[in-house]
């Protein structure tokens, strides 16, 4: 299962990420900003990411595979992730 994480994007995207809205997050954020959020397709995963992000981390999480967290986690098993690229 492909995954991506971004940093350095518009702060509104972080706010709408957890909102229970019936629209795609980028569409909702664009409506609030009154202009579309520029989105590009990430080369490795094919997932949409904000074009104005400063840092992009991509990789994958195999379905059903978990690992124990380190000493500073919450003590539960989390999805196993393998990184492909950070740019």
N, C-alpha and C. Protein backbone atom coordinates (compact mmCIF):
# COMPACT_ATOMS: atom_id res chain seq x y z
N UNK A 1 0.85 -1.16 0.00
CA UNK A 1 0.00 0.00 0.00
C UNK A 1 0.90 1.23 0.00
N UNK A 2 0.82 2.05 -1.04
CA UNK A 2 1.69 3.23 -1.11
C UNK A 2 1.30 4.28 -0.08
N UNK A 3 2.30 4.97 0.43
CA UNK A 3 2.09 6.04 1.42
C UNK A 3 2.93 7.24 1.05
N UNK A 4 2.46 8.40 1.42
CA UNK A 4 3.27 9.61 1.28
C UNK A 4 3.00 10.51 2.47
N UNK A 5 4.00 11.26 2.84
CA UNK A 5 3.89 12.24 3.90
C UNK A 5 4.55 13.52 3.42
N UNK A 6 3.93 14.64 3.70
CA UNK A 6 4.48 15.91 3.23
C UNK A 6 4.63 16.88 4.39
N UNK A 7 5.54 17.81 4.23
CA UNK A 7 5.74 18.89 5.21
C UNK A 7 6.01 20.17 4.44
N UNK A 8 5.72 21.28 5.05
CA UNK A 8 5.95 22.56 4.40
C UNK A 8 4.87 22.95 3.41
N UNK A 9 3.68 22.40 3.56
CA UNK A 9 2.56 22.76 2.70
C UNK A 9 1.73 23.84 3.38
N UNK A 10 0.67 24.27 2.74
CA UNK A 10 -0.21 25.28 3.34
C UNK A 10 -0.82 24.71 4.62
N UNK A 11 -0.83 25.47 5.71
CA UNK A 11 -1.34 24.94 6.98
C UNK A 11 -2.81 24.54 6.95
N UNK A 12 -3.58 25.07 6.03
CA UNK A 12 -4.99 24.70 5.92
C UNK A 12 -5.13 23.21 5.61
N UNK A 13 -4.20 22.64 4.85
CA UNK A 13 -4.28 21.22 4.51
C UNK A 13 -4.21 20.34 5.75
N UNK A 14 -3.44 20.75 6.71
CA UNK A 14 -3.37 19.99 7.97
C UNK A 14 -4.70 20.07 8.71
N UNK A 15 -5.33 21.22 8.65
CA UNK A 15 -6.61 21.39 9.33
C UNK A 15 -7.73 20.58 8.71
N UNK A 16 -7.78 20.50 7.39
CA UNK A 16 -8.87 19.78 6.75
C UNK A 16 -8.63 18.27 6.72
N UNK A 17 -7.41 17.85 6.97
CA UNK A 17 -7.09 16.42 6.90
C UNK A 17 -7.93 15.59 7.88
N UNK A 18 -8.28 16.15 9.02
CA UNK A 18 -9.05 15.40 10.00
C UNK A 18 -10.52 15.75 10.05
N UNK A 19 -10.95 16.68 9.21
CA UNK A 19 -12.36 17.08 9.21
C UNK A 19 -13.24 16.02 8.56
N UNK A 20 -14.39 15.72 9.17
CA UNK A 20 -15.32 14.77 8.55
C UNK A 20 -16.16 15.46 7.47
N UNK A 21 -15.59 15.63 6.29
CA UNK A 21 -16.27 16.33 5.20
C UNK A 21 -16.55 15.35 4.07
N UNK A 22 -17.61 15.58 3.32
CA UNK A 22 -17.96 14.65 2.23
C UNK A 22 -17.24 14.95 0.92
N UNK A 23 -16.20 15.77 0.94
CA UNK A 23 -15.45 16.13 -0.26
C UNK A 23 -14.01 15.66 -0.14
N UNK A 24 -13.30 15.50 -1.25
CA UNK A 24 -11.86 15.27 -1.16
C UNK A 24 -11.19 16.47 -0.47
N UNK A 25 -10.18 16.19 0.32
CA UNK A 25 -9.54 17.23 1.13
C UNK A 25 -8.99 18.38 0.29
N UNK A 26 -8.37 18.06 -0.84
CA UNK A 26 -7.80 19.13 -1.67
C UNK A 26 -8.90 20.02 -2.25
N UNK A 27 -10.03 19.44 -2.62
CA UNK A 27 -11.16 20.23 -3.13
C UNK A 27 -11.71 21.14 -2.04
N UNK A 28 -11.86 20.61 -0.84
CA UNK A 28 -12.38 21.39 0.28
C UNK A 28 -11.44 22.54 0.62
N UNK A 29 -10.15 22.25 0.70
CA UNK A 29 -9.17 23.30 1.01
C UNK A 29 -9.18 24.37 -0.07
N UNK A 30 -9.32 23.97 -1.32
CA UNK A 30 -9.39 24.94 -2.41
C UNK A 30 -10.62 25.83 -2.31
N UNK A 31 -11.73 25.26 -1.89
CA UNK A 31 -12.95 26.05 -1.72
C UNK A 31 -12.80 27.06 -0.59
N UNK A 32 -12.16 26.64 0.50
CA UNK A 32 -11.94 27.56 1.62
C UNK A 32 -10.98 28.68 1.22
N UNK A 33 -9.93 28.34 0.47
CA UNK A 33 -8.95 29.34 0.01
C UNK A 33 -9.45 30.19 -1.14
N UNK A 34 -10.54 29.76 -1.77
CA UNK A 34 -11.11 30.41 -2.94
C UNK A 34 -10.17 30.34 -4.14
N UNK A 35 -9.33 29.32 -4.17
CA UNK A 35 -8.50 29.01 -5.35
C UNK A 35 -8.03 27.58 -5.20
N UNK A 36 -7.84 26.88 -6.30
CA UNK A 36 -7.48 25.46 -6.23
C UNK A 36 -6.13 25.23 -5.56
N UNK A 37 -6.01 24.11 -4.90
CA UNK A 37 -4.72 23.66 -4.36
C UNK A 37 -3.98 22.98 -5.50
N UNK A 38 -2.76 23.44 -5.77
CA UNK A 38 -1.97 22.82 -6.84
C UNK A 38 -1.51 21.45 -6.38
N UNK A 39 -1.84 20.42 -7.15
CA UNK A 39 -1.53 19.04 -6.80
C UNK A 39 -0.78 18.40 -7.96
N UNK A 40 0.25 17.62 -7.63
CA UNK A 40 0.98 16.87 -8.64
C UNK A 40 0.93 15.39 -8.28
N UNK A 41 1.24 14.55 -9.24
CA UNK A 41 1.29 13.11 -9.00
C UNK A 41 2.71 12.74 -8.62
N UNK A 42 2.87 12.10 -7.47
CA UNK A 42 4.20 11.68 -7.01
C UNK A 42 4.71 10.57 -7.92
N UNK A 43 5.99 10.61 -8.28
CA UNK A 43 6.54 9.71 -9.30
C UNK A 43 6.57 8.24 -8.88
N UNK A 44 6.89 7.95 -7.63
CA UNK A 44 7.07 6.56 -7.20
C UNK A 44 5.74 5.91 -6.84
N UNK A 45 4.92 6.59 -6.03
CA UNK A 45 3.68 6.00 -5.54
C UNK A 45 2.48 6.28 -6.43
N UNK A 46 2.53 7.35 -7.21
CA UNK A 46 1.39 7.74 -8.03
C UNK A 46 0.32 8.46 -7.23
N UNK A 47 0.60 8.80 -5.97
CA UNK A 47 -0.37 9.48 -5.13
C UNK A 47 -0.34 10.99 -5.38
N UNK A 48 -1.48 11.66 -5.22
CA UNK A 48 -1.47 13.11 -5.35
C UNK A 48 -0.84 13.75 -4.12
N UNK A 49 0.00 14.76 -4.35
CA UNK A 49 0.63 15.50 -3.25
C UNK A 49 0.56 16.99 -3.57
N UNK A 50 0.55 17.84 -2.54
CA UNK A 50 0.54 19.28 -2.79
C UNK A 50 1.83 19.71 -3.51
N UNK A 51 1.69 20.45 -4.58
CA UNK A 51 2.85 20.87 -5.38
C UNK A 51 3.76 21.82 -4.61
N UNK A 52 3.23 22.53 -3.63
CA UNK A 52 4.02 23.53 -2.91
C UNK A 52 4.67 22.96 -1.65
N UNK A 53 4.65 21.65 -1.47
CA UNK A 53 5.28 21.04 -0.30
C UNK A 53 6.79 21.22 -0.35
N UNK A 54 7.39 21.43 0.82
CA UNK A 54 8.84 21.58 0.88
C UNK A 54 9.54 20.23 1.01
N UNK A 55 8.93 19.29 1.73
CA UNK A 55 9.52 17.97 1.94
C UNK A 55 8.47 16.91 1.63
N UNK A 56 8.85 15.88 0.89
CA UNK A 56 7.95 14.77 0.56
C UNK A 56 8.66 13.47 0.92
N UNK A 57 7.99 12.62 1.69
CA UNK A 57 8.52 11.30 2.05
C UNK A 57 7.57 10.26 1.47
N UNK A 58 8.10 9.30 0.73
CA UNK A 58 7.25 8.28 0.12
C UNK A 58 7.78 6.90 0.43
N UNK A 59 6.88 5.95 0.42
CA UNK A 59 7.24 4.56 0.68
C UNK A 59 6.00 3.69 0.60
N UNK A 60 6.04 2.58 1.33
CA UNK A 60 4.89 1.68 1.31
C UNK A 60 4.74 0.98 2.65
N UNK A 61 3.54 0.50 2.91
CA UNK A 61 3.22 -0.27 4.10
C UNK A 61 2.55 -1.56 3.63
N UNK A 62 3.22 -2.70 3.78
CA UNK A 62 2.61 -3.96 3.36
C UNK A 62 1.34 -4.25 4.19
N UNK A 63 0.22 -4.60 3.56
CA UNK A 63 -1.01 -4.88 4.30
C UNK A 63 -0.82 -6.01 5.31
N UNK A 64 -1.26 -5.79 6.53
CA UNK A 64 -1.22 -6.82 7.57
C UNK A 64 0.10 -6.95 8.29
N UNK A 65 1.16 -6.32 7.82
CA UNK A 65 2.47 -6.43 8.47
C UNK A 65 2.62 -5.31 9.49
N UNK A 66 2.96 -5.66 10.74
CA UNK A 66 3.14 -4.66 11.79
C UNK A 66 4.49 -4.85 12.46
N UNK A 67 4.91 -3.82 13.17
CA UNK A 67 6.15 -3.85 13.95
C UNK A 67 5.87 -3.15 15.28
N UNK A 68 6.60 -3.56 16.30
CA UNK A 68 6.48 -2.88 17.58
C UNK A 68 7.15 -1.52 17.49
N UNK A 69 6.58 -0.55 18.19
CA UNK A 69 7.16 0.78 18.18
C UNK A 69 8.40 0.82 19.05
N UNK A 70 9.18 1.86 18.85
CA UNK A 70 10.40 2.06 19.65
C UNK A 70 10.09 2.50 21.07
N UNK A 71 11.11 2.85 21.82
CA UNK A 71 10.92 3.16 23.24
C UNK A 71 10.08 4.42 23.49
N UNK A 72 9.88 5.26 22.49
CA UNK A 72 9.13 6.49 22.71
C UNK A 72 7.76 6.46 22.04
N UNK A 73 7.32 5.31 21.55
CA UNK A 73 6.01 5.19 20.92
C UNK A 73 4.94 4.99 21.97
N UNK A 74 3.73 4.67 21.51
CA UNK A 74 2.64 4.45 22.46
C UNK A 74 2.51 2.98 22.85
N UNK A 75 3.44 2.15 22.44
CA UNK A 75 3.47 0.76 22.88
C UNK A 75 2.63 -0.20 22.08
N UNK A 76 2.00 0.27 21.03
CA UNK A 76 1.17 -0.61 20.21
C UNK A 76 1.89 -0.94 18.91
N UNK A 77 1.48 -2.01 18.29
CA UNK A 77 2.04 -2.35 16.99
C UNK A 77 1.54 -1.36 15.96
N UNK A 78 2.41 -0.92 15.09
CA UNK A 78 2.06 0.03 14.04
C UNK A 78 2.34 -0.61 12.69
N UNK A 79 1.71 -0.09 11.62
CA UNK A 79 1.99 -0.66 10.30
C UNK A 79 3.48 -0.57 9.97
N UNK A 80 4.01 -1.62 9.39
CA UNK A 80 5.40 -1.61 8.97
C UNK A 80 5.53 -0.73 7.74
N UNK A 81 6.55 0.09 7.69
CA UNK A 81 6.74 0.99 6.56
C UNK A 81 8.15 0.86 6.02
N UNK A 82 8.27 0.96 4.72
CA UNK A 82 9.59 0.99 4.11
C UNK A 82 9.67 2.25 3.24
N UNK A 83 10.68 3.05 3.49
CA UNK A 83 10.85 4.29 2.75
C UNK A 83 11.46 4.07 1.40
N UNK A 84 11.04 4.85 0.44
CA UNK A 84 11.58 4.78 -0.91
C UNK A 84 12.40 6.02 -1.24
N UNK A 85 11.91 7.20 -0.82
CA UNK A 85 12.62 8.43 -1.15
C UNK A 85 12.12 9.59 -0.29
N UNK A 86 13.02 10.47 0.04
CA UNK A 86 12.69 11.74 0.68
C UNK A 86 13.27 12.83 -0.19
N UNK A 87 12.45 13.79 -0.55
CA UNK A 87 12.96 14.88 -1.38
C UNK A 87 12.38 16.20 -0.93
